[in-house]
Amino acid sequence: MKHSPKGVSIHPDPQALVSTTAARLITKLVDVQSRRGEATVVLTGGTVGIATLEAVTANPARTAVDWTKVNFWWGDERFLPAGNPELNSFQARQAMLDPLGVPAARIHAVASADEVDTVEDAAADYARQLAEAGAAEQLATGFSAVDPRLPRFDVLLLGVGPDAHIASLFPETPGVRTVGSTTVAVRDAPKPPPERISLTLESINTAFEVWLGVAGNDKAGAVGLALAGAGEIQVPAAGARGRTKTRWLIDQAAASQLSQRLFDSDEPDAGDED
């Protein structure tokens, strides 16, 4: 394979993948802040997602970003009590948010199981937070939003499961079929815990850039199907698309089932949107 297909960056191993993704994220945030003053990132959990945050914390270039002016949201969360180490938000705080001194007002976590009664309540509360942030942003900037129910997402990070799920949108489940809502409550996730809160695919696709970080042989089939154009109901990862860029950031193992026809084009990505 002499060239990566459009929007795909292949790295020799997971360590190279996370360090490069971290450097790329820092560069992107510096660029967005230089143009807009502040930036917004949607975080993901998982091995690659959290390792990427740890790599940001360890990167000396992190000081180029004003972390007091970066807003953080999550693509999905597990419905568990506050402080549970399995929470994506708990892991992100340990890996990056606390070490970098991100203000609490910039961290928009999903309500935990001891803050609201049901997973549906948590999803509704998260939708409310998103809508309030979107309205405040429009009032402050005067710019019309992609979706008035949401703030602007500059970069949205995703992992991909062996079954090709993204966030907590699993194949052939009601969550991946949900339309007309910004969030969805999941009660029967096929991996523990079964109760989760997720952005819908509609919300994910309002992001200006969507980055999918994937490592490992067990993800190769999912990556191959998604990049071959499979349907999003069966392969949710195939439905994740940024408005200006969709980046697949993968290691060699995850790339092992990519079709050779994907490597025929080495065109640049679409330009950034201001």
C-alpha atoms as a PDB file:
ATOM      1  CA  MET A   1       0.000   0.000   0.000  1.00  0.00           C
ATOM      2  CA  LYS A   2       1.771   3.083  -1.277  1.00  0.00           C
ATOM      3  CA  HIS A   3      -0.837   5.677  -0.384  1.00  0.00           C
ATOM      4  CA  SER A   4      -3.572   6.033   2.179  1.00  0.00           C
ATOM      5  CA  PRO A   5      -7.085   6.528   0.781  1.00  0.00           C
ATOM      6  CA  LYS A   6      -8.674   9.938   1.131  1.00  0.00           C
ATOM      7  CA  GLY A   7      -9.335  10.735   4.771  1.00  0.00           C
ATOM      8  CA  VAL A   8      -7.407   7.715   6.096  1.00  0.00           C
ATOM      9  CA  SER A   9      -4.115   7.865   7.994  1.00  0.00           C
ATOM     10  CA  ILE A  10      -2.442   4.538   8.730  1.00  0.00           C
ATOM     11  CA  HIS A  11       0.073   4.258  11.560  1.00  0.00           C
ATOM     12  CA  PRO A  12       2.481   1.401  12.285  1.00  0.00           C
ATOM     13  CA  ASP A  13       1.183   0.624  15.779  1.00  0.00           C
ATOM     14  CA  PRO A  14      -1.223   1.895  18.472  1.00  0.00           C
ATOM     15  CA  GLN A  15       1.435   4.003  20.178  1.00  0.00           C
ATOM     16  CA  ALA A  16       2.204   5.876  16.959  1.00  0.00           C
ATOM     17  CA  LEU A  17      -1.510   6.250  16.320  1.00  0.00           C
ATOM     18  CA  VAL A  18      -2.324   7.890  19.665  1.00  0.00           C
ATOM     19  CA  SER A  19       0.742  10.151  19.738  1.00  0.00           C
ATOM     20  CA  THR A  20       0.085  11.398  16.213  1.00  0.00           C
ATOM     21  CA  THR A  21      -3.617  11.898  16.894  1.00  0.00           C
ATOM     22  CA  ALA A  22      -2.783  13.861  20.041  1.00  0.00           C
ATOM     23  CA  ALA A  23      -0.412  16.117  18.110  1.00  0.00           C
ATOM     24  CA  ARG A  24      -3.015  16.571  15.397  1.00  0.00           C
ATOM     25  CA  LEU A  25      -5.644  17.536  17.969  1.00  0.00           C
ATOM     26  CA  ILE A  26      -3.370  20.107  19.587  1.00  0.00           C
ATOM     27  CA  THR A  27      -2.647  21.641  16.185  1.00  0.00           C
ATOM     28  CA  LYS A  28      -6.333  21.742  15.331  1.00  0.00           C
ATOM     29  CA  LEU A  29      -7.259  23.439  18.598  1.00  0.00           C
ATOM     30  CA  VAL A  30      -4.565  26.071  18.140  1.00  0.00           C
ATOM     31  CA  ASP A  31      -5.912  26.750  14.653  1.00  0.00           C
ATOM     32  CA  VAL A  32      -9.528  27.014  15.793  1.00  0.00           C
ATOM     33  CA  GLN A  33      -8.653  29.254  18.732  1.00  0.00           C
ATOM     34  CA  SER A  34      -6.631  31.544  16.469  1.00  0.00           C
ATOM     35  CA  ARG A  35      -9.744  32.035  14.329  1.00  0.00           C
ATOM     36  CA  ARG A  36     -12.588  31.865  16.843  1.00  0.00           C
ATOM     37  CA  GLY A  37     -11.108  32.403  20.312  1.00  0.00           C
ATOM     38  CA  GLU A  38     -12.414  29.141  21.717  1.00  0.00           C
ATOM     39  CA  ALA A  39     -12.952  25.589  20.506  1.00  0.00           C
ATOM     40  CA  THR A  40     -15.241  22.649  21.214  1.00  0.00           C
ATOM     41  CA  VAL A  41     -14.301  18.972  21.253  1.00  0.00           C
ATOM     42  CA  VAL A  42     -16.511  15.920  21.703  1.00  0.00           C
ATOM     43  CA  LEU A  43     -14.578  13.188  23.505  1.00  0.00           C
ATOM     44  CA  THR A  44     -14.809   9.425  23.371  1.00  0.00           C
ATOM     45  CA  GLY A  45     -13.820   6.666  25.765  1.00  0.00           C
ATOM     46  CA  GLY A  46     -12.184   3.353  24.998  1.00  0.00           C
ATOM     47  CA  THR A  47      -8.548   2.322  24.890  1.00  0.00           C
ATOM     48  CA  VAL A  48      -7.533   4.503  21.958  1.00  0.00           C
ATOM     49  CA  GLY A  49      -9.657   7.446  23.058  1.00  0.00           C
ATOM     50  CA  ILE A  50      -8.256   7.653  26.582  1.00  0.00           C
ATOM     51  CA  ALA A  51      -4.696   6.900  25.452  1.00  0.00           C
ATOM     52  CA  THR A  52      -4.982   9.817  23.044  1.00  0.00           C
ATOM     53  CA  LEU A  53      -5.937  12.138  25.898  1.00  0.00           C
ATOM     54  CA  GLU A  54      -2.974  10.890  27.930  1.00  0.00           C
ATOM     55  CA  ALA A  55      -0.750  11.604  24.932  1.00  0.00           C
ATOM     56  CA  VAL A  56      -2.093  15.167  24.728  1.00  0.00           C
ATOM     57  CA  THR A  57      -1.204  15.677  28.383  1.00  0.00           C
ATOM     58  CA  ALA A  58       2.314  14.349  27.774  1.00  0.00           C
ATOM     59  CA  ASN A  59       2.928  16.406  24.620  1.00  0.00           C
ATOM     60  CA  PRO A  60       5.039  19.555  25.286  1.00  0.00           C
ATOM     61  CA  ALA A  61       3.077  21.374  22.566  1.00  0.00           C
ATOM     62  CA  ARG A  62      -0.039  21.243  24.771  1.00  0.00           C
ATOM     63  CA  THR A  63       0.927  24.656  26.179  1.00  0.00           C
ATOM     64  CA  ALA A  64       0.112  26.239  22.803  1.00  0.00           C
ATOM     65  CA  VAL A  65      -3.587  25.643  23.551  1.00  0.00           C
ATOM     66  CA  ASP A  66      -5.534  27.841  25.961  1.00  0.00           C
ATOM     67  CA  TRP A  67      -7.292  25.026  27.819  1.00  0.00           C
ATOM     68  CA  THR A  68      -9.486  27.490  29.680  1.00  0.00           C
ATOM     69  CA  LYS A  69     -11.195  28.168  26.333  1.00  0.00           C
ATOM     70  CA  VAL A  70     -11.895  24.636  25.147  1.00  0.00           C
ATOM     71  CA  ASN A  71     -15.362  23.170  25.691  1.00  0.00           C
ATOM     72  CA  PHE A  72     -15.677  19.415  26.196  1.00  0.00           C
ATOM     73  CA  TRP A  73     -18.665  17.178  25.551  1.00  0.00           C
ATOM     74  CA  TRP A  74     -19.004  13.404  25.177  1.00  0.00           C
ATOM     75  CA  GLY A  75     -20.325  11.315  22.321  1.00  0.00           C
ATOM     76  CA  ASP A  76     -21.687   8.808  24.804  1.00  0.00           C
ATOM     77  CA  GLU A  77     -21.613   7.863  28.446  1.00  0.00           C
ATOM     78  CA  ARG A  78     -22.422   4.892  30.644  1.00  0.00           C
ATOM     79  CA  PHE A  79     -25.310   5.308  33.055  1.00  0.00           C
ATOM     80  CA  LEU A  80     -23.410   4.737  36.278  1.00  0.00           C
ATOM     81  CA  PRO A  81     -23.014   6.548  39.613  1.00  0.00           C
ATOM     82  CA  ALA A  82     -20.722   9.579  39.787  1.00  0.00           C
ATOM     83  CA  GLY A  83     -17.112   8.660  40.459  1.00  0.00           C
ATOM     84  CA  ASN A  84     -17.368   5.232  38.857  1.00  0.00           C
ATOM     85  CA  PRO A  85     -14.022   4.589  37.140  1.00  0.00           C
ATOM     86  CA  GLU A  86     -15.844   3.113  34.123  1.00  0.00           C
ATOM     87  CA  LEU A  87     -17.364   6.480  33.246  1.00  0.00           C
ATOM     88  CA  ASN A  88     -15.871   8.047  30.123  1.00  0.00           C
ATOM     89  CA  SER A  89     -15.919  11.413  31.877  1.00  0.00           C
ATOM     90  CA  PHE A  90     -14.075  10.045  34.928  1.00  0.00           C
ATOM     91  CA  GLN A  91     -11.342   8.560  32.729  1.00  0.00           C
ATOM     92  CA  ALA A  92     -11.048  11.740  30.667  1.00  0.00           C
ATOM     93  CA  ARG A  93     -10.660  13.866  33.789  1.00  0.00           C
ATOM     94  CA  GLN A  94      -7.831  11.682  35.025  1.00  0.00           C
ATOM     95  CA  ALA A  95      -6.125  11.437  31.643  1.00  0.00           C
ATOM     96  CA  MET A  96      -6.284  15.064  30.519  1.00  0.00           C
ATOM     97  CA  LEU A  97      -8.908  17.453  31.844  1.00  0.00           C
ATOM     98  CA  ASP A  98      -7.670  17.695  35.433  1.00  0.00           C
ATOM     99  CA  PRO A  99      -3.926  17.671  34.620  1.00  0.00           C
ATOM    100  CA  LEU A 100      -4.436  20.499  32.106  1.00  0.00           C
ATOM    101  CA  GLY A 101      -6.580  22.535  34.464  1.00  0.00           C
ATOM    102  CA  VAL A 102      -9.709  22.691  32.301  1.00  0.00           C
ATOM    103  CA  PRO A 103     -12.305  24.780  34.188  1.00  0.00           C
ATOM    104  CA  ALA A 104     -15.387  22.939  35.425  1.00  0.00           C
ATOM    105  CA  ALA A 105     -17.620  25.277  33.421  1.00  0.00           C
ATOM    106  CA  ARG A 106     -16.041  23.957  30.211  1.00  0.00           C
ATOM    107  CA  ILE A 107     -16.706  20.294  31.059  1.00  0.00           C
ATOM    108  CA  HIS A 108     -20.196  19.166  30.045  1.00  0.00           C
ATOM    109  CA  ALA A 109     -20.675  15.693  31.459  1.00  0.00           C
ATOM    110  CA  VAL A 110     -23.782  13.544  31.192  1.00  0.00           C
ATOM    111  CA  ALA A 111     -25.857  13.272  34.388  1.00  0.00           C
ATOM    112  CA  SER A 112     -24.888  10.218  36.419  1.00  0.00           C
ATOM    113  CA  ALA A 113     -27.125   7.486  37.838  1.00  0.00           C
ATOM    114  CA  ASP A 114     -27.189   9.132  41.262  1.00  0.00           C
ATOM    115  CA  GLU A 115     -28.151  12.525  39.844  1.00  0.00           C
ATOM    116  CA  VAL A 116     -31.224  11.472  37.851  1.00  0.00           C
ATOM    117  CA  ASP A 117     -33.635   8.561  38.166  1.00  0.00           C
ATOM    118  CA  THR A 118     -33.483   6.904  34.760  1.00  0.00           C
ATOM    119  CA  VAL A 119     -31.314   6.683  31.673  1.00  0.00           C
ATOM    120  CA  GLU A 120     -34.086   8.489  29.793  1.00  0.00           C
ATOM    121  CA  ASP A 121     -33.832  11.359  32.283  1.00  0.00           C
ATOM    122  CA  ALA A 122     -30.082  11.500  31.701  1.00  0.00           C
ATOM    123  CA  ALA A 123     -30.538  11.622  27.921  1.00  0.00           C
ATOM    124  CA  ALA A 124     -33.142  14.384  28.239  1.00  0.00           C
ATOM    125  CA  ASP A 125     -30.908  16.380  30.586  1.00  0.00           C
ATOM    126  CA  TYR A 126     -27.976  16.056  28.183  1.00  0.00           C
ATOM    127  CA  ALA A 127     -30.170  17.257  25.317  1.00  0.00           C
ATOM    128  CA  ARG A 128     -31.154  20.235  27.470  1.00  0.00           C
ATOM    129  CA  GLN A 129     -27.511  21.070  28.209  1.00  0.00           C
ATOM    130  CA  LEU A 130     -26.671  20.888  24.521  1.00  0.00           C
ATOM    131  CA  ALA A 131     -29.596  23.087  23.526  1.00  0.00           C
ATOM    132  CA  GLU A 132     -28.775  25.713  26.148  1.00  0.00           C
ATOM    133  CA  ALA A 133     -25.136  25.790  25.033  1.00  0.00           C
ATOM    134  CA  GLY A 134     -26.196  26.105  21.410  1.00  0.00           C
ATOM    135  CA  ALA A 135     -28.547  28.989  22.162  1.00  0.00           C
ATOM    136  CA  ALA A 136     -25.922  30.824  24.229  1.00  0.00           C
ATOM    137  CA  GLU A 137     -23.334  30.351  21.500  1.00  0.00           C
ATOM    138  CA  GLN A 138     -25.620  31.769  18.813  1.00  0.00           C
ATOM    139  CA  LEU A 139     -26.465  34.747  21.003  1.00  0.00           C
ATOM    140  CA  ALA A 140     -22.776  35.441  21.681  1.00  0.00           C
ATOM    141  CA  THR A 141     -21.487  35.005  18.141  1.00  0.00           C
ATOM    142  CA  GLY A 142     -24.435  35.964  15.973  1.00  0.00           C
ATOM    143  CA  PHE A 143     -23.738  33.005  13.696  1.00  0.00           C
ATOM    144  CA  SER A 144     -26.526  30.627  12.737  1.00  0.00           C
ATOM    145  CA  ALA A 145     -25.930  27.110  13.984  1.00  0.00           C
ATOM    146  CA  VAL A 146     -25.751  23.925  11.966  1.00  0.00           C
ATOM    147  CA  ASP A 147     -28.470  22.646  14.308  1.00  0.00           C
ATOM    148  CA  PRO A 148     -30.029  25.148  16.733  1.00  0.00           C
ATOM    149  CA  ARG A 149     -30.367  22.359  19.300  1.00  0.00           C
ATOM    150  CA  LEU A 150     -26.587  21.939  19.490  1.00  0.00           C
ATOM    151  CA  PRO A 151     -23.422  23.963  19.987  1.00  0.00           C
ATOM    152  CA  ARG A 152     -20.812  23.935  17.258  1.00  0.00           C
ATOM    153  CA  PHE A 153     -18.593  20.838  17.413  1.00  0.00           C
ATOM    154  CA  ASP A 154     -15.164  21.589  15.936  1.00  0.00           C
ATOM    155  CA  VAL A 155     -13.787  18.066  16.397  1.00  0.00           C
ATOM    156  CA  LEU A 156     -15.724  14.967  17.395  1.00  0.00           C
ATOM    157  CA  LEU A 157     -13.685  11.929  18.387  1.00  0.00           C
ATOM    158  CA  LEU A 158     -15.024   8.409  18.012  1.00  0.00           C
ATOM    159  CA  GLY A 159     -13.839   4.898  18.649  1.00  0.00           C
ATOM    160  CA  VAL A 160     -15.122   1.937  16.666  1.00  0.00           C
ATOM    161  CA  GLY A 161     -16.031  -1.425  18.167  1.00  0.00           C
ATOM    162  CA  PRO A 162     -15.404  -4.822  16.586  1.00  0.00           C
ATOM    163  CA  ASP A 163     -19.124  -4.815  15.710  1.00  0.00           C
ATOM    164  CA  ALA A 164     -18.674  -1.381  14.057  1.00  0.00           C
ATOM    165  CA  HIS A 165     -20.565   0.517  16.761  1.00  0.00           C
ATOM    166  CA  ILE A 166     -19.715   4.159  17.422  1.00  0.00           C
ATOM    167  CA  ALA A 167     -20.551   6.071  20.619  1.00  0.00           C
ATOM    168  CA  SER A 168     -23.347   3.866  22.005  1.00  0.00           C
ATOM    169  CA  LEU A 169     -25.020   3.345  18.634  1.00  0.00           C
ATOM    170  CA  PHE A 170     -24.951  -0.389  18.011  1.00  0.00           C
ATOM    171  CA  PRO A 171     -25.872  -2.238  14.796  1.00  0.00           C
ATOM    172  CA  GLU A 172     -29.558  -2.903  14.167  1.00  0.00           C
ATOM    173  CA  THR A 173     -30.677  -1.249  17.433  1.00  0.00           C
ATOM    174  CA  PRO A 174     -33.193   1.565  18.002  1.00  0.00           C
ATOM    175  CA  GLY A 175     -30.392   3.992  18.920  1.00  0.00           C
ATOM    176  CA  VAL A 176     -28.774   3.986  15.499  1.00  0.00           C
ATOM    177  CA  ARG A 177     -32.187   4.424  13.867  1.00  0.00           C
ATOM    178  CA  THR A 178     -33.182   7.411  16.033  1.00  0.00           C
ATOM    179  CA  VAL A 179     -34.014  10.589  14.128  1.00  0.00           C
ATOM    180  CA  GLY A 180     -35.361  13.925  15.301  1.00  0.00           C
ATOM    181  CA  SER A 181     -33.499  13.889  18.631  1.00  0.00           C
ATOM    182  CA  THR A 182     -30.026  15.017  19.611  1.00  0.00           C
ATOM    183  CA  THR A 183     -29.549  12.302  22.231  1.00  0.00           C
ATOM    184  CA  VAL A 184     -30.850   8.806  22.828  1.00  0.00           C
ATOM    185  CA  ALA A 185     -31.238   6.615  25.894  1.00  0.00           C
ATOM    186  CA  VAL A 186     -29.932   3.066  25.409  1.00  0.00           C
ATOM    187  CA  ARG A 187     -31.273   0.324  27.671  1.00  0.00           C
ATOM    188  CA  ASP A 188     -30.080  -2.847  25.968  1.00  0.00           C
ATOM    189  CA  ALA A 189     -26.510  -2.250  24.821  1.00  0.00           C
ATOM    190  CA  PRO A 190     -24.913  -5.558  23.790  1.00  0.00           C
ATOM    191  CA  LYS A 191     -21.860  -4.766  25.924  1.00  0.00           C
ATOM    192  CA  PRO A 192     -21.901  -3.837  29.610  1.00  0.00           C
ATOM    193  CA  PRO A 193     -23.249  -1.750  31.099  1.00  0.00           C
ATOM    194  CA  PRO A 194     -26.520  -2.075  29.170  1.00  0.00           C
ATOM    195  CA  GLU A 195     -27.772   1.421  30.052  1.00  0.00           C
ATOM    196  CA  ARG A 196     -26.064   4.274  28.204  1.00  0.00           C
ATOM    197  CA  ILE A 197     -26.630   7.755  26.820  1.00  0.00           C
ATOM    198  CA  SER A 198     -25.479   8.640  23.323  1.00  0.00           C
ATOM    199  CA  LEU A 199     -25.525  11.415  20.794  1.00  0.00           C
ATOM    200  CA  THR A 200     -27.591  10.388  17.806  1.00  0.00           C
ATOM    201  CA  LEU A 201     -26.038   9.968  14.393  1.00  0.00           C
ATOM    202  CA  GLU A 202     -27.734  13.219  13.373  1.00  0.00           C
ATOM    203  CA  SER A 203     -25.895  15.053  16.163  1.00  0.00           C
ATOM    204  CA  ILE A 204     -22.576  13.384  15.404  1.00  0.00           C
ATOM    205  CA  ASN A 205     -22.810  14.478  11.794  1.00  0.00           C
ATOM    206  CA  THR A 206     -23.169  18.160  12.684  1.00  0.00           C
ATOM    207  CA  ALA A 207     -19.489  18.177  13.727  1.00  0.00           C
ATOM    208  CA  PHE A 208     -17.183  19.976  11.342  1.00  0.00           C
ATOM    209  CA  GLU A 209     -14.583  17.261  11.713  1.00  0.00           C
ATOM    210  CA  VAL A 210     -15.212  13.667  12.770  1.00  0.00           C
ATOM    211  CA  TRP A 211     -12.137  11.605  13.697  1.00  0.00           C
ATOM    212  CA  LEU A 212     -12.418   7.845  14.120  1.00  0.00           C
ATOM    213  CA  GLY A 213      -9.466   6.339  16.003  1.00  0.00           C
ATOM    214  CA  VAL A 214      -9.145   2.573  15.619  1.00  0.00           C
ATOM    215  CA  ALA A 215      -6.458   0.034  16.515  1.00  0.00           C
ATOM    216  CA  GLY A 216      -6.247  -3.748  16.457  1.00  0.00           C
ATOM    217  CA  ASN A 217      -6.938  -6.770  14.274  1.00  0.00           C
ATOM    218  CA  ASP A 218     -10.321  -7.237  15.936  1.00  0.00           C
ATOM    219  CA  LYS A 219     -11.469  -3.921  14.411  1.00  0.00           C
ATOM    220  CA  ALA A 220     -10.233  -4.644  10.879  1.00  0.00           C
ATOM    221  CA  GLY A 221     -13.519  -6.079   9.656  1.00  0.00           C
ATOM    222  CA  ALA A 222     -15.478  -3.100  10.948  1.00  0.00           C
ATOM    223  CA  VAL A 223     -13.063  -0.638   9.340  1.00  0.00           C
ATOM    224  CA  GLY A 224     -13.154  -2.504   6.045  1.00  0.00           C
ATOM    225  CA  LEU A 225     -16.953  -2.572   5.931  1.00  0.00           C
ATOM    226  CA  ALA A 226     -17.337   1.067   6.945  1.00  0.00           C
ATOM    227  CA  LEU A 227     -14.891   2.333   4.334  1.00  0.00           C
ATOM    228  CA  ALA A 228     -16.381   0.062   1.671  1.00  0.00           C
ATOM    229  CA  GLY A 229     -19.697   1.899   1.981  1.00  0.00           C
ATOM    230  CA  ALA A 230     -21.804  -0.416   4.117  1.00  0.00           C
ATOM    231  CA  GLY A 231     -25.149   0.806   5.424  1.00  0.00           C
ATOM    232  CA  GLU A 232     -25.151   2.736   8.701  1.00  0.00           C
ATOM    233  CA  ILE A 233     -27.879   0.628  10.335  1.00  0.00           C
ATOM    234  CA  GLN A 234     -25.779  -2.516   9.993  1.00  0.00           C
ATOM    235  CA  VAL A 235     -22.414  -0.697  10.292  1.00  0.00           C
ATOM    236  CA  PRO A 236     -22.911   2.488  12.333  1.00  0.00           C
ATOM    237  CA  ALA A 237     -19.319   3.601  11.764  1.00  0.00           C
ATOM    238  CA  ALA A 238     -20.130   3.957   8.073  1.00  0.00           C
ATOM    239  CA  GLY A 239     -22.615   6.715   8.915  1.00  0.00           C
ATOM    240  CA  ALA A 240     -20.238   9.028  10.803  1.00  0.00           C
ATOM    241  CA  ARG A 241     -19.295  11.946   8.568  1.00  0.00           C
ATOM    242  CA  GLY A 242     -17.895  15.369   9.386  1.00  0.00           C
ATOM    243  CA  ARG A 243     -19.207  18.423   7.567  1.00  0.00           C
ATOM    244  CA  THR A 244     -15.750  19.362   6.296  1.00  0.00           C
ATOM    245  CA  LYS A 245     -13.560  16.371   7.189  1.00  0.00           C
ATOM    246  CA  THR A 246     -13.935  12.747   8.149  1.00  0.00           C
ATOM    247  CA  ARG A 247     -10.637  11.273   9.337  1.00  0.00           C
ATOM    248  CA  TRP A 248      -9.993   7.589   9.878  1.00  0.00           C
ATOM    249  CA  LEU A 249      -6.918   7.364  12.106  1.00  0.00           C
ATOM    250  CA  ILE A 250      -5.980   3.694  12.264  1.00  0.00           C
ATOM    251  CA  ASP A 251      -3.058   1.363  12.850  1.00  0.00           C
ATOM    252  CA  GLN A 252      -1.733  -1.235  10.432  1.00  0.00           C
ATOM    253  CA  ALA A 253      -3.653  -4.037  12.117  1.00  0.00           C
ATOM    254  CA  ALA A 254      -6.985  -2.223  11.788  1.00  0.00           C
ATOM    255  CA  ALA A 255      -6.170  -1.465   8.141  1.00  0.00           C
ATOM    256  CA  SER A 256      -5.528  -5.076   7.207  1.00  0.00           C
ATOM    257  CA  GLN A 257      -8.883  -5.644   5.509  1.00  0.00           C
ATOM    258  CA  LEU A 258      -9.114  -2.427   3.521  1.00  0.00           C
ATOM    259  CA  SER A 259      -9.909  -2.968  -0.135  1.00  0.00           C
ATOM    260  CA  GLN A 260      -7.114  -2.060  -2.530  1.00  0.00           C
ATOM    261  CA  ARG A 261      -9.542   0.078  -4.550  1.00  0.00           C
ATOM    262  CA  LEU A 262      -9.657   2.566  -1.680  1.00  0.00           C
ATOM    263  CA  PHE A 263      -6.009   3.369  -2.302  1.00  0.00           C
ATOM    264  CA  ASP A 264      -6.460   4.502  -5.883  1.00  0.00           C
ATOM    265  CA  SER A 265      -7.051   8.130  -4.854  1.00  0.00           C
ATOM    266  CA  ASP A 266      -4.788  10.330  -2.762  1.00  0.00           C
ATOM    267  CA  GLU A 267      -6.836  13.529  -2.989  1.00  0.00           C
ATOM    268  CA  PRO A 268      -6.640  16.115  -0.182  1.00  0.00           C
ATOM    269  CA  ASP A 269      -9.454  16.560   2.299  1.00  0.00           C
ATOM    270  CA  ALA A 270     -11.969  19.354   1.937  1.00  0.00           C
ATOM    271  CA  GLY A 271     -10.813  22.666   3.358  1.00  0.00           C
ATOM    272  CA  ASP A 272     -11.593  23.935   6.854  1.00  0.00           C
ATOM    273  CA  GLU A 273     -14.720  25.945   7.526  1.00  0.00           C
ATOM    274  CA  ASP A 274     -14.416  29.181   9.440  1.00  0.00           C
END
